Protein backbone atom coordinates (compact mmCIF):
# COMPACT_ATOMS: atom_id res chain seq x y z
CA MET A 1 78.13 143.37 112.26
CA SER A 2 77.19 142.02 108.87
CA ASP A 3 79.24 142.27 105.72
CA PHE A 4 76.45 144.03 103.76
CA HIS A 5 77.42 146.79 101.32
CA PHE A 6 75.17 148.82 99.06
CA THR A 7 75.72 147.62 95.49
CA GLY A 8 72.63 148.94 93.74
CA GLN A 9 71.48 145.37 93.07
CA ARG A 10 68.42 143.70 94.58
CA ARG A 11 69.22 141.38 97.44
CA SER A 12 67.93 137.84 97.21
CA PHE A 13 67.10 135.65 100.16
CA PRO A 14 66.93 131.92 99.50
CA PRO A 15 63.98 130.28 101.25
CA VAL A 16 64.76 128.25 104.36
CA GLU A 17 63.01 125.39 106.14
CA ILE A 18 60.62 126.49 108.84
CA VAL A 19 59.33 125.25 112.17
CA PRO A 20 55.68 126.27 112.77
CA PHE A 21 54.46 127.13 116.25
CA ARG A 22 52.07 124.90 118.17
CA TRP A 23 49.83 127.64 119.46
CA PRO A 24 49.02 127.60 123.21
CA SER A 25 45.56 127.96 124.71
CA LYS A 26 46.60 130.49 127.39
CA VAL A 27 46.84 134.15 126.40
CA SER A 28 49.81 134.83 128.69
CA ILE A 29 51.86 132.12 126.97
CA ALA A 30 50.70 133.35 123.55
CA ASN A 31 51.95 136.84 124.45
CA GLU A 32 55.36 135.35 125.32
CA TYR A 33 55.41 133.48 121.99
CA VAL A 34 54.74 136.69 120.08
CA GLU A 35 57.35 138.67 122.04
CA ASP A 36 60.03 135.99 121.55
CA TRP A 37 59.16 135.57 117.87
CA GLN A 38 59.29 139.33 117.33
CA ALA A 39 62.66 139.65 119.11
CA GLU A 40 64.23 136.85 117.08
CA ALA A 41 62.85 138.12 113.76
CA LYS A 42 63.91 141.68 114.58
CA ALA A 43 67.46 140.51 115.35
CA ALA A 44 67.62 138.77 111.96
CA LEU A 45 66.32 141.89 110.18
CA VAL A 46 68.77 144.17 112.00
CA ALA A 47 71.66 141.86 111.05
CA LEU A 48 70.60 142.22 107.39
CA ARG A 49 69.97 145.97 107.76
CA LEU A 50 66.28 145.69 106.92
CA SER A 51 63.34 147.64 108.30
CA SER A 52 61.32 146.07 111.11
CA VAL A 53 58.31 148.42 110.93
CA THR A 54 56.13 145.87 109.10
CA LEU A 55 57.27 143.15 111.53
CA ASP A 56 56.17 145.28 114.49
CA THR A 57 52.78 145.89 112.85
CA ILE A 58 52.31 142.18 112.18
CA ALA A 59 53.29 141.31 115.76
CA SER A 60 50.80 143.80 117.21
CA HIS A 61 47.95 142.35 115.11
CA ILE A 62 48.57 138.60 115.65
CA SER A 63 45.53 136.95 117.17
CA ARG A 64 46.46 135.63 120.60
CA ARG A 65 43.64 133.07 120.29
CA ASP A 66 44.96 131.15 117.26
CA GLY A 67 48.22 132.85 116.23
CA SER A 68 47.07 134.12 112.86
CA ILE A 69 46.77 137.45 111.11
CA THR A 70 44.33 137.97 108.25
CA LEU A 71 45.16 141.56 107.32
CA SER A 72 45.96 142.16 103.66
CA ASP A 73 49.15 143.87 102.55
CA ARG A 74 47.13 147.04 101.92
CA ALA A 75 45.78 147.01 105.49
CA LEU A 76 49.26 146.32 106.91
CA SER A 77 50.60 149.18 104.82
CA ALA A 78 47.95 151.58 106.15
CA ARG A 79 48.65 150.58 109.75
CA SER A 80 52.46 150.70 109.46
CA GLY A 81 52.71 153.90 107.41
CA ARG A 82 54.95 152.23 104.79
CA SER A 83 54.12 152.09 101.10
CA LEU A 84 52.24 149.12 99.71
CA SER A 85 55.23 147.92 97.67
CA SER A 86 57.53 148.12 100.73
CA THR A 87 55.03 146.20 102.83
CA GLU A 88 54.64 143.48 100.18
CA ARG A 89 58.45 143.19 99.95
CA ASP A 90 58.78 143.03 103.75
CA VAL A 91 56.20 140.22 104.00
CA GLN A 92 57.95 138.26 101.22
CA ARG A 93 61.30 138.66 102.98
CA LEU A 94 59.87 137.48 106.29
CA LYS A 95 58.44 134.41 104.54
CA ARG A 96 61.77 133.64 102.81
CA LEU A 97 63.73 134.13 106.05
CA GLY A 98 61.42 131.61 107.75
CA PHE A 99 59.55 133.93 110.12
CA LEU A 100 56.12 133.76 108.45
CA ILE A 101 53.93 131.06 106.92
CA ALA A 102 51.28 132.11 104.42
CA GLU A 103 48.19 129.94 104.04
CA HIS A 104 45.14 130.61 101.92
CA ASP A 105 41.62 129.89 103.18
CA ALA A 106 38.38 129.95 101.19
CA ILE A 107 36.02 132.82 101.95
CA LEU A 108 32.63 131.60 103.13
CA GLY A 109 29.72 132.62 100.90
CA ARG A 110 31.92 134.25 98.25
CA GLN A 111 34.34 133.21 95.59
CA GLY A 112 37.97 133.79 96.41
CA ARG A 113 40.50 133.18 99.10
CA THR A 114 41.92 135.09 102.01
CA ARG A 115 45.55 134.96 103.07
CA VAL A 116 46.36 133.95 106.62
CA LEU A 117 49.83 134.70 107.99
CA LYS A 118 51.20 132.67 110.90
CA PRO A 119 54.46 133.15 112.80
CA SER A 120 57.19 130.53 112.50
CA LEU A 121 60.91 130.17 113.07
CA PRO A 122 63.67 129.07 110.71
CA ALA A 123 64.68 125.46 111.27
CA PRO A 124 67.98 125.16 113.14
CA VAL A 125 70.96 124.23 111.03
CA PHE A 126 72.26 120.82 112.09
CA VAL A 127 76.00 120.67 112.59
CA PRO A 128 77.18 117.13 113.26
CA PRO A 129 79.58 116.69 116.20
CA ARG A 130 83.26 116.51 115.37
CA ILE A 131 84.52 112.97 115.78
CA PRO A 132 88.29 112.52 115.75
CA PRO A 133 89.63 110.05 113.20
CA GLU A 134 90.80 106.66 114.42
CA SER A 135 94.35 107.43 113.35
CA ALA A 136 94.55 110.27 115.89
CA GLY A 137 95.68 107.87 118.60
CA PHE A 138 94.66 108.46 122.19
CA CYS A 139 92.00 111.11 122.61
CA PRO A 140 90.65 111.65 126.16
CA SER A 141 86.97 112.36 126.63
CA THR A 142 85.93 116.01 126.69
CA ASP A 143 82.64 115.29 128.42
CA GLY A 144 81.81 116.94 131.74
CA GLY A 145 84.32 116.32 134.53
CA TYR A 146 86.70 114.27 132.42
CA VAL A 147 88.34 117.21 130.67
CA GLU A 148 91.49 117.11 132.82
CA GLY A 149 92.72 113.88 131.31
CA VAL A 150 92.70 110.23 132.32
CA ASP A 151 91.64 109.59 135.90
CA ILE A 152 93.54 106.58 137.25
CA GLY A 153 92.35 107.07 140.81
CA GLU A 154 94.27 107.26 144.08
CA ARG A 155 95.46 104.58 146.46
CA ARG A 156 93.32 104.33 149.56
CA ASP A 157 95.57 102.14 151.72
CA VAL A 158 98.16 104.84 152.34
């Protein structure tokens, strides 16, 4: 469980690096992408004790052809049943947690831009392997079958 406690203060989520999806051409694989993305994002939201209603609405409206969603916050709010301010806050949180990318495209024939949301994942945190210091003396390998210690072999002429 998380160590979250209600303090009456707004929670802040620092933005993280993201890994965008390379969208597949087959619908069956695209469905798997959306399901896996939704499960991972929902797990992160549950760990932070946040609502996943907007996430579920976004996941159900992602285009399986190109992996985008062009619904506005007002349209997402109407479809999810949450207030507009809650929906805007949910989308911002998903972007800061690394589960959404927001791009803006020009509208053909009119002035203005439309927002396009695309699913993504937070970049994995790199933890370098632990290397023992040289002063540690003898340190047997911990790779694969060598965990038992030093293998000096057996005599075969016995």
